[in-house]
Amino acid sequence: MPPDPDEPVPPATRPAQATVPVSDPRATPLADRLVDDAADAELGVERMPRWVWRAVAVFWIGFLVALAAQRVFSDLANLLVILLVSLFLSLAVEPGVNRLSQRGWRRGSATGLILVGVVTILLVFVVAIGTLVAGQIADLLRNSETYVTDTVDWLNDTFDTNIDPADVIAEIQDEDGRIQQFIADQGDEAVRVSLSALGVLFQALTVMLFTFYLVADGPRLRRVICSRLRPSRQRRVLEAWDLAIDKTGGYLYSRALLAGLSAVFHWIVFQAVGTQAPLALAVWVGLISQFLPVVGTYLAGVLPVLVTLLDSPVKALIIAIAIVLYQQVENYVFAPRITARTMELHPALAFGSAIAGAAVLGAVGAILALPAVAMFQALMSNMGPRFEVVDDRLTQLPARRLDRRAVSAHPDGRAGALGDDDR
């Protein structure tokens, strides 16, 4: 009689479930490790944790990657500086290109015209200064005895010395003397300077090329970037881009205005003293002093002092004193007001950023530091909520200063965010 399928099977007749031995290959890796650890513990054997080897491998791989990245960055540092300067120039040139483009110009033609104008002005300036320096050197070599005699006579009369001009001239003209030996040793240095000048010329052409493409294809570049972002992010990117253009233009405006004031003042001084080529030297001092912050004035003042020294040490001293005095007036009167209005950047912050930029990238960093800090400050001021400042004696400002800042923030006379926060 066959068994009833609905009848329950007795426990004794149920098939026993097969157990998997530990040594079975179907055992999990965790079980194997537990068994191995238990066996090692019974035998008294200590094993290094397995994660230590992975940590060591990760550390050395990370070290090699960091070393390779540092090497690549060091090799590409020059290119990165060129790209940074090109970006700065593109932001400075784009407002003019946009105006020409609105009048029907093609962006490529407008960009080329502005860049050619900038290069032409720089070349004319360099050629004028180079011609002046070369003429002064030729005049110094041609009339060296006269200049030496006049200088020695002035020293004897002023400091009551007894220097013989003939001995000084003989020392200068001695072929085995220190002066002639120094001049002969400068031959290799002249070759090195010439090669460096060629390298600077190539870098300048590279900067102009990158600047041309950044400006001429600016709308297309911005469309490519915005196509990868949501509409809300696109607005933020475009606002930041427009802010960068505005701050860079403000920087150039402030520098150009300060350079003009400096050139006018020094031209008057050079003309009154009787320095040779007063206009060229005044433009030299104005441009170099403003586009090389902090030490630019003193570096620019070396050339007019040397040129005037060949004519009269007294005149050279007068020019040196005038340059130093004007630098103090500019630092405390002109620069704080012009920089604060055009860039809305605190003078102390501008001074510190110029020093930091010069420490990082030299003269290029000093030039680019001011617009970079101004853009960063403007971006940070637009982030986060703004609250009304509590009334306290530590936050009170003079009424006239408050009204001027509020009006300058909004041309229509309304009190803006800055005026609201200062109340």
Protein backbone atom coordinates (compact mmCIF):
# COMPACT_ATOMS: atom_id res chain seq x y z
CA MET A 1 0.00 0.00 0.00
CA PRO A 2 1.66 3.28 -1.04
CA PRO A 3 2.20 5.94 1.66
CA ASP A 4 -0.19 8.80 1.96
CA PRO A 5 1.47 12.02 0.63
CA ASP A 6 -0.40 14.13 3.20
CA GLU A 7 0.86 12.08 6.13
CA PRO A 8 3.79 13.82 7.97
CA VAL A 9 7.15 12.16 7.79
CA PRO A 10 8.52 11.00 11.16
CA PRO A 11 11.61 12.84 12.40
CA ALA A 12 13.69 9.72 12.20
CA THR A 13 12.99 9.31 8.49
CA ARG A 14 13.95 12.92 7.57
CA PRO A 15 17.20 13.14 5.53
CA ALA A 16 20.05 14.63 7.53
CA GLN A 17 21.38 17.92 6.19
CA ALA A 18 24.91 17.66 4.89
CA THR A 19 27.50 19.80 6.66
CA VAL A 20 30.28 21.43 4.71
CA PRO A 21 33.68 20.69 6.17
CA VAL A 22 35.94 23.64 6.87
CA SER A 23 38.48 22.42 4.36
CA ASP A 24 35.85 22.26 1.65
CA PRO A 25 36.60 24.69 -1.21
CA ARG A 26 33.08 26.04 -0.89
CA ALA A 27 33.94 27.53 2.49
CA THR A 28 33.96 31.32 2.61
CA PRO A 29 37.27 33.23 2.78
CA LEU A 30 36.18 34.64 6.11
CA ALA A 31 35.85 31.14 7.52
CA ASP A 32 39.32 30.25 6.22
CA ARG A 33 40.82 33.29 7.88
CA LEU A 34 39.07 32.50 11.15
CA VAL A 35 40.39 28.94 11.09
CA ASP A 36 43.92 30.13 10.24
CA ASP A 37 43.85 32.72 13.02
CA ALA A 38 42.63 30.11 15.52
CA ALA A 39 45.40 27.72 14.47
CA ASP A 40 48.03 30.41 14.73
CA ALA A 41 46.76 31.37 18.18
CA GLU A 42 47.07 27.76 19.40
CA LEU A 43 50.64 27.55 18.08
CA GLY A 44 51.61 30.96 19.45
CA VAL A 45 52.39 32.41 16.00
CA GLU A 46 51.78 36.18 15.48
CA ARG A 47 50.87 37.33 11.99
CA MET A 48 50.90 40.88 10.61
CA PRO A 49 47.38 42.09 9.79
CA ARG A 50 46.56 41.86 6.12
CA TRP A 51 45.47 45.55 5.91
CA VAL A 52 49.03 46.69 6.70
CA TRP A 53 50.28 45.55 3.30
CA ARG A 54 47.44 47.34 1.56
CA ALA A 55 48.15 50.52 3.51
CA VAL A 56 51.84 50.35 2.56
CA ALA A 57 50.95 49.85 -1.11
CA VAL A 58 48.50 52.77 -1.06
CA PHE A 59 51.09 55.01 0.62
CA TRP A 60 53.82 54.32 -1.94
CA ILE A 61 51.44 54.64 -4.88
CA GLY A 62 50.22 57.98 -3.54
CA PHE A 63 53.80 59.13 -3.00
CA LEU A 64 54.78 58.24 -6.57
CA VAL A 65 51.69 59.98 -7.97
CA ALA A 66 52.41 63.12 -5.92
CA LEU A 67 56.04 63.09 -7.07
CA ALA A 68 54.98 62.77 -10.71
CA ALA A 69 52.40 65.55 -10.30
CA GLN A 70 55.03 67.84 -8.78
CA ARG A 71 57.39 67.13 -11.67
CA VAL A 72 54.68 67.81 -14.25
CA PHE A 73 53.63 71.03 -12.49
CA SER A 74 57.26 72.19 -12.35
CA ASP A 75 57.68 71.56 -16.07
CA LEU A 76 54.40 73.31 -16.91
CA ALA A 77 54.82 76.23 -14.50
CA ASN A 78 55.98 78.55 -17.27
CA LEU A 79 52.99 77.61 -19.43
CA LEU A 80 50.61 78.14 -16.52
CA VAL A 81 52.00 81.64 -15.94
CA ILE A 82 51.57 82.41 -19.65
CA LEU A 83 47.96 81.23 -19.52
CA LEU A 84 47.33 83.32 -16.40
CA VAL A 85 48.73 86.46 -18.03
CA SER A 86 46.73 85.71 -21.19
CA LEU A 87 43.54 85.39 -19.16
CA PHE A 88 44.27 88.72 -17.45
CA LEU A 89 44.87 90.46 -20.79
CA SER A 90 41.74 88.91 -22.31
CA LEU A 91 39.63 90.26 -19.45
CA ALA A 92 41.20 93.69 -19.92
CA VAL A 93 40.76 93.75 -23.70
CA GLU A 94 37.27 92.28 -23.94
CA PRO A 95 35.32 95.47 -23.04
CA GLY A 96 36.84 97.28 -26.02
CA VAL A 97 36.24 94.31 -28.28
CA ASN A 98 32.61 94.13 -27.18
CA ARG A 99 32.09 97.81 -28.02
CA LEU A 100 33.59 97.36 -31.50
CA SER A 101 31.56 94.19 -31.99
CA GLN A 102 28.34 96.06 -31.19
CA ARG A 103 29.22 98.53 -33.95
CA GLY A 104 29.45 95.78 -36.56
CA TRP A 105 33.07 94.68 -36.27
CA ARG A 106 33.94 91.01 -36.36
CA ARG A 107 35.37 89.86 -33.04
CA GLY A 108 38.56 88.58 -34.65
CA SER A 109 39.23 91.89 -36.42
CA ALA A 110 38.40 93.94 -33.33
CA THR A 111 40.65 91.79 -31.13
CA GLY A 112 43.51 91.99 -33.61
CA LEU A 113 43.19 95.76 -33.88
CA ILE A 114 43.31 96.31 -30.12
CA LEU A 115 46.21 93.90 -29.60
CA VAL A 116 48.17 95.49 -32.44
CA GLY A 117 47.58 98.88 -30.84
CA VAL A 118 48.82 97.65 -27.45
CA VAL A 119 51.91 96.04 -29.00
CA THR A 120 52.66 99.18 -31.04
CA ILE A 121 52.51 101.40 -27.96
CA LEU A 122 54.80 99.05 -26.05
CA LEU A 123 57.28 98.86 -28.94
CA VAL A 124 57.37 102.64 -29.33
CA PHE A 125 57.94 103.00 -25.59
CA VAL A 126 60.71 100.38 -25.52
CA VAL A 127 62.43 101.82 -28.60
CA ALA A 128 62.29 105.35 -27.18
CA ILE A 129 63.75 104.29 -23.85
CA GLY A 130 66.33 102.05 -25.54
CA THR A 131 67.43 104.88 -27.82
CA LEU A 132 67.73 107.19 -24.84
CA VAL A 133 69.83 104.70 -22.88
CA ALA A 134 72.04 103.89 -25.87
CA GLY A 135 72.61 107.60 -26.55
CA GLN A 136 73.55 108.22 -22.93
CA ILE A 137 76.00 105.31 -22.93
CA ALA A 138 77.60 106.54 -26.17
CA ASP A 139 77.85 110.05 -24.76
CA LEU A 140 79.38 108.71 -21.56
CA LEU A 141 82.05 106.78 -23.48
CA ARG A 142 82.78 109.71 -25.77
CA ASN A 143 83.09 112.31 -23.03
CA SER A 144 84.22 110.07 -20.18
CA GLU A 145 87.21 112.24 -19.31
CA THR A 146 85.08 115.36 -19.03
CA TYR A 147 82.51 113.63 -16.81
CA VAL A 148 85.21 112.15 -14.59
CA THR A 149 86.95 115.50 -14.21
CA ASP A 150 83.72 117.33 -13.37
CA THR A 151 82.70 114.66 -10.85
CA VAL A 152 86.09 114.63 -9.13
CA ASP A 153 86.16 118.44 -8.96
CA TRP A 154 82.69 118.44 -7.38
CA LEU A 155 83.81 115.87 -4.78
CA ASN A 156 86.92 117.88 -3.98
CA ASP A 157 84.96 121.09 -3.58
CA THR A 158 82.11 119.56 -1.60
CA PHE A 159 83.93 117.17 0.73
CA ASP A 160 87.34 118.94 0.78
CA THR A 161 89.18 115.98 -0.76
CA ASN A 162 92.38 115.94 -2.83
CA ILE A 163 91.62 113.44 -5.58
CA ASP A 164 93.60 113.86 -8.79
CA PRO A 165 91.34 113.54 -11.87
CA ALA A 166 94.29 112.36 -13.99
CA ASP A 167 94.86 109.38 -11.67
CA VAL A 168 91.18 108.39 -11.89
CA ILE A 169 91.20 108.66 -15.69
CA ALA A 170 94.40 106.59 -15.91
CA GLU A 171 92.84 103.94 -13.67
CA ILE A 172 89.77 103.77 -15.88
CA GLN A 173 91.76 103.52 -19.11
CA ASP A 174 94.29 100.98 -17.79
CA GLU A 175 93.79 97.76 -19.79
CA ASP A 176 94.93 95.63 -16.85
CA GLY A 177 92.92 97.63 -14.33
CA ARG A 178 89.83 96.50 -12.52
CA ILE A 179 87.42 98.66 -14.52
CA GLN A 180 88.56 97.48 -17.94
CA GLN A 181 88.67 93.89 -16.69
CA PHE A 182 85.10 94.25 -15.44
CA ILE A 183 83.96 95.60 -18.81
CA ALA A 184 85.68 92.72 -20.62
CA ASP A 185 83.99 90.18 -18.35
CA GLN A 186 80.57 91.48 -19.31
CA GLY A 187 80.81 89.98 -22.82
CA ASP A 188 79.39 86.62 -21.74
CA GLU A 189 76.76 88.39 -19.68
CA ALA A 190 75.64 90.36 -22.73
CA VAL A 191 75.15 87.11 -24.67
CA ARG A 192 73.10 85.67 -21.82
CA VAL A 193 70.96 88.80 -21.63
CA SER A 194 70.38 88.66 -25.40
CA LEU A 195 69.22 85.05 -25.19
CA SER A 196 66.94 85.95 -22.28
CA ALA A 197 65.49 88.80 -24.33
CA LEU A 198 64.69 86.37 -27.16
CA GLY A 199 62.98 84.08 -24.67
CA VAL A 200 60.90 86.96 -23.32
CA LEU A 201 59.95 87.94 -26.88
CA PHE A 202 58.78 84.39 -27.62
CA GLN A 203 56.75 84.32 -24.39
CA ALA A 204 55.18 87.67 -25.29
CA LEU A 205 54.12 86.34 -28.70
CA THR A 206 52.67 83.24 -27.01
CA VAL A 207 50.70 85.43 -24.58
CA MET A 208 49.32 87.48 -27.47
CA LEU A 209 48.27 84.33 -29.32
CA PHE A 210 46.41 82.88 -26.33
CA THR A 211 44.85 86.28 -25.60
CA PHE A 212 43.60 86.57 -29.18
CA TYR A 213 41.83 83.21 -29.07
CA LEU A 214 40.39 83.80 -25.59
CA VAL A 215 38.83 87.11 -26.69
CA ALA A 216 37.92 86.32 -30.31
CA ASP A 217 36.21 83.05 -29.31
CA GLY A 218 34.94 84.36 -25.97
CA PRO A 219 31.21 83.86 -26.62
CA ARG A 220 31.80 80.38 -28.02
CA LEU A 221 33.95 79.44 -25.04
CA ARG A 222 31.31 80.66 -22.62
CA ARG A 223 28.60 78.74 -24.48
CA VAL A 224 30.64 75.54 -24.23
CA ILE A 225 31.10 76.03 -20.49
CA CYS A 226 27.46 76.96 -19.85
CA SER A 227 26.17 74.00 -21.90
CA ARG A 228 27.47 71.71 -19.15
CA LEU A 229 25.68 73.56 -16.36
CA ARG A 230 22.11 74.03 -15.17
CA PRO A 231 20.47 77.40 -15.97
CA SER A 232 20.90 78.63 -12.40
CA ARG A 233 24.58 77.77 -12.45
CA GLN A 234 24.96 79.39 -15.85
CA ARG A 235 23.75 82.70 -14.43
CA ARG A 236 26.26 82.52 -11.61
CA VAL A 237 29.15 81.73 -13.96
CA LEU A 238 28.23 84.56 -16.33
CA GLU A 239 27.84 87.03 -13.45
CA ALA A 240 31.26 86.03 -12.10
CA TRP A 241 32.76 86.38 -15.57
CA ASP A 242 31.24 89.85 -15.99
CA LEU A 243 32.51 90.81 -12.55
CA ALA A 244 36.03 89.70 -13.51
CA ILE A 245 35.91 91.87 -16.63
CA ASP A 246 34.68 94.85 -14.61
CA LYS A 247 37.34 94.51 -11.90
CA THR A 248 40.14 94.04 -14.41
CA GLY A 249 39.02 97.13 -16.29
CA GLY A 250 38.92 99.05 -13.02
CA TYR A 251 42.43 97.91 -12.24
CA LEU A 252 43.76 99.11 -15.60
CA TYR A 253 41.87 102.40 -15.22
CA SER A 254 43.35 103.04 -11.78
CA ARG A 255 46.86 102.10 -12.90
CA ALA A 256 46.63 104.26 -16.02
CA LEU A 257 45.32 107.23 -14.02
CA LEU A 258 48.11 106.93 -11.45
CA ALA A 259 50.67 106.51 -14.23
CA GLY A 260 49.40 109.71 -15.87
CA LEU A 261 49.64 111.68 -12.63
CA SER A 262 53.13 110.36 -12.01
CA ALA A 263 54.27 111.13 -15.56
CA VAL A 264 52.96 114.72 -15.40
CA PHE A 265 54.62 115.42 -12.05
CA HIS A 266 57.98 113.95 -13.04
CA TRP A 267 57.89 115.67 -16.43
CA ILE A 268 57.53 119.03 -14.66
CA VAL A 269 60.44 118.18 -12.33
CA PHE A 270 62.68 116.89 -15.12
CA GLN A 271 61.88 119.91 -17.28
CA ALA A 272 62.63 122.32 -14.45
CA VAL A 273 65.90 120.62 -13.52
CA GLY A 274 67.03 120.37 -17.13
CA THR A 275 67.23 116.59 -17.55
CA GLN A 276 67.75 115.26 -21.04
CA ALA A 277 64.65 113.73 -22.71
CA PRO A 278 62.31 114.74 -19.86
CA LEU A 279 59.13 113.46 -21.51
CA ALA A 280 60.51 109.97 -22.25
CA LEU A 281 61.90 109.65 -18.72
CA ALA A 282 58.64 110.88 -17.19
CA VAL A 283 56.61 108.30 -19.13
CA TRP A 284 59.13 105.64 -18.10
CA VAL A 285 58.75 106.50 -14.41
CA GLY A 286 54.95 106.68 -14.67
CA LEU A 287 54.46 103.29 -16.33
CA ILE A 288 57.09 101.30 -14.45
CA SER A 289 56.11 102.72 -11.08
CA GLN A 290 52.44 101.77 -11.51
CA PHE A 291 52.63 98.41 -13.23
CA LEU A 292 55.34 97.15 -10.88
CA PRO A 293 53.77 97.88 -7.48
CA VAL A 294 55.67 98.42 -4.23
CA VAL A 295 59.22 98.73 -5.69
CA GLY A 296 58.35 99.99 -9.17
CA THR A 297 58.87 103.65 -8.31
CA TYR A 298 62.38 103.13 -6.99
CA LEU A 299 63.37 100.88 -9.89
CA ALA A 300 62.00 103.41 -12.37
CA GLY A 301 63.80 106.27 -10.64
CA VAL A 302 67.23 104.73 -11.20
CA LEU A 303 67.31 105.62 -14.92
CA PRO A 304 66.58 109.39 -14.64
CA VAL A 305 68.96 109.67 -11.68
CA LEU A 306 71.79 108.04 -13.65
CA VAL A 307 71.06 110.13 -16.74
CA THR A 308 71.10 113.34 -14.72
CA LEU A 309 74.16 112.24 -12.74
CA LEU A 310 76.19 112.43 -15.93
CA ASP A 311 75.31 116.10 -16.17
CA SER A 312 75.30 117.21 -12.52
CA PRO A 313 75.32 115.29 -9.22
CA VAL A 314 73.31 118.10 -7.61
CA LYS A 315 70.54 117.76 -10.19
CA ALA A 316 70.57 114.00 -9.73
CA LEU A 317 70.11 114.45 -5.97
CA ILE A 318 67.19 116.82 -6.55
CA ILE A 319 65.51 114.29 -8.84
CA ALA A 320 66.03 111.47 -6.34
CA ILE A 321 64.45 113.54 -3.56
CA ALA A 322 61.52 114.47 -5.82
CA ILE A 323 60.89 110.83 -6.72
CA VAL A 324 60.88 109.74 -3.08
CA LEU A 325 58.60 112.60 -2.01
CA TYR A 326 56.11 111.93 -4.79
CA GLN A 327 55.99 108.25 -3.85
CA GLN A 328 54.94 109.20 -0.32
CA VAL A 329 52.27 111.59 -1.63
CA GLU A 330 50.98 108.91 -3.99
CA ASN A 331 50.88 106.26 -1.26
CA TYR A 332 48.95 108.41 1.21
CA VAL A 333 46.87 110.71 -1.03
CA PHE A 334 46.34 109.47 -4.60
CA ALA A 335 46.54 105.68 -4.51
CA PRO A 336 44.13 105.02 -1.60
CA ARG A 337 41.39 107.14 -3.16
CA ILE A 338 41.80 106.04 -6.77
CA THR A 339 42.22 102.36 -5.95
CA ALA A 340 39.30 102.35 -3.52
CA ARG A 341 36.99 103.99 -6.08
CA THR A 342 37.91 102.00 -9.17
CA MET A 343 38.42 98.60 -7.55
CA GLU A 344 36.65 99.01 -4.17
CA LEU A 345 39.74 97.46 -2.58
CA HIS A 346 41.13 98.57 0.75
CA PRO A 347 44.60 100.16 0.39
CA ALA A 348 46.12 97.85 3.02
CA LEU A 349 44.67 94.82 1.25
CA ALA A 350 45.99 96.09 -2.08
CA PHE A 351 49.45 96.58 -0.60
CA GLY A 352 49.49 93.15 1.02
CA SER A 353 48.21 91.40 -2.11
CA ALA A 354 50.93 93.06 -4.21
CA ILE A 355 53.62 91.81 -1.82
CA ALA A 356 52.12 88.30 -1.77
CA GLY A 357 51.83 88.20 -5.56
CA ALA A 358 55.44 89.34 -5.96
CA ALA A 359 56.59 86.65 -3.53
CA VAL A 360 54.78 83.92 -5.49
CA LEU A 361 55.24 84.93 -9.14
CA GLY A 362 57.58 87.91 -9.04
CA ALA A 363 56.68 90.99 -11.07
CA VAL A 364 53.90 89.13 -12.90
CA GLY A 365 52.30 88.15 -9.60
CA ALA A 366 52.52 91.70 -8.30
CA ILE A 367 50.69 92.97 -11.38
CA LEU A 368 47.97 90.31 -11.30
CA ALA A 369 47.45 90.30 -7.53
CA LEU A 370 45.30 93.43 -7.32
CA PRO A 371 42.57 92.45 -9.82
CA ALA A 372 42.58 88.89 -8.48
CA VAL A 373 42.02 90.03 -4.90
CA ALA A 374 39.41 92.56 -6.02
CA MET A 375 37.47 89.85 -7.85
CA PHE A 376 37.71 87.52 -4.86
CA GLN A 377 36.50 90.24 -2.50
CA ALA A 378 33.58 91.09 -4.79
CA LEU A 379 32.58 87.44 -5.11
CA MET A 380 32.75 86.89 -1.35
CA SER A 381 30.68 90.02 -0.70
CA ASN A 382 27.85 88.58 -2.80
CA MET A 383 27.79 85.27 -0.91
CA GLY A 384 25.66 84.66 2.14
CA PRO A 385 23.10 86.86 3.86
CA ARG A 386 23.74 90.49 4.83
CA PHE A 387 22.44 91.95 8.09
CA GLU A 388 22.02 95.42 9.47
CA VAL A 389 24.91 96.53 11.68
CA VAL A 390 24.04 97.34 15.28
CA ASP A 391 24.41 100.92 16.45
CA ASP A 392 27.61 101.18 18.47
CA ARG A 393 30.40 103.69 18.86
CA LEU A 394 32.84 101.21 17.34
CA THR A 395 30.81 101.01 14.10
CA GLN A 396 29.96 104.70 13.66
CA LEU A 397 31.26 106.47 10.56
CA PRO A 398 31.33 110.18 9.79
CA ALA A 399 28.13 111.25 8.07
CA ARG A 400 29.92 112.83 5.09
CA ARG A 401 31.96 109.69 4.43
CA LEU A 402 28.88 107.50 4.71
CA ASP A 403 26.93 109.59 2.20
CA ARG A 404 29.84 109.65 -0.26
CA ARG A 405 30.29 105.88 -0.13
CA ALA A 406 26.57 105.26 -0.50
CA VAL A 407 26.30 107.56 -3.51
CA SER A 408 29.44 106.12 -5.11
CA ALA A 409 27.98 102.63 -4.74
CA HIS A 410 24.89 103.67 -6.72
CA PRO A 411 25.13 106.43 -9.34
CA ASP A 412 21.43 107.20 -8.99
CA GLY A 413 21.98 108.24 -5.36
CA ARG A 414 20.24 105.30 -3.67
CA ALA A 415 21.89 103.78 -0.60
CA GLY A 416 23.09 100.36 -1.57
CA ALA A 417 24.30 97.35 0.34
CA LEU A 418 27.45 99.09 1.48
CA GLY A 419 25.57 102.10 2.82
CA ASP A 420 22.97 99.87 4.49
CA ASP A 421 25.65 97.90 6.29
CA ASP A 422 27.45 101.01 7.42
CA ARG A 423 24.43 102.61 9.03
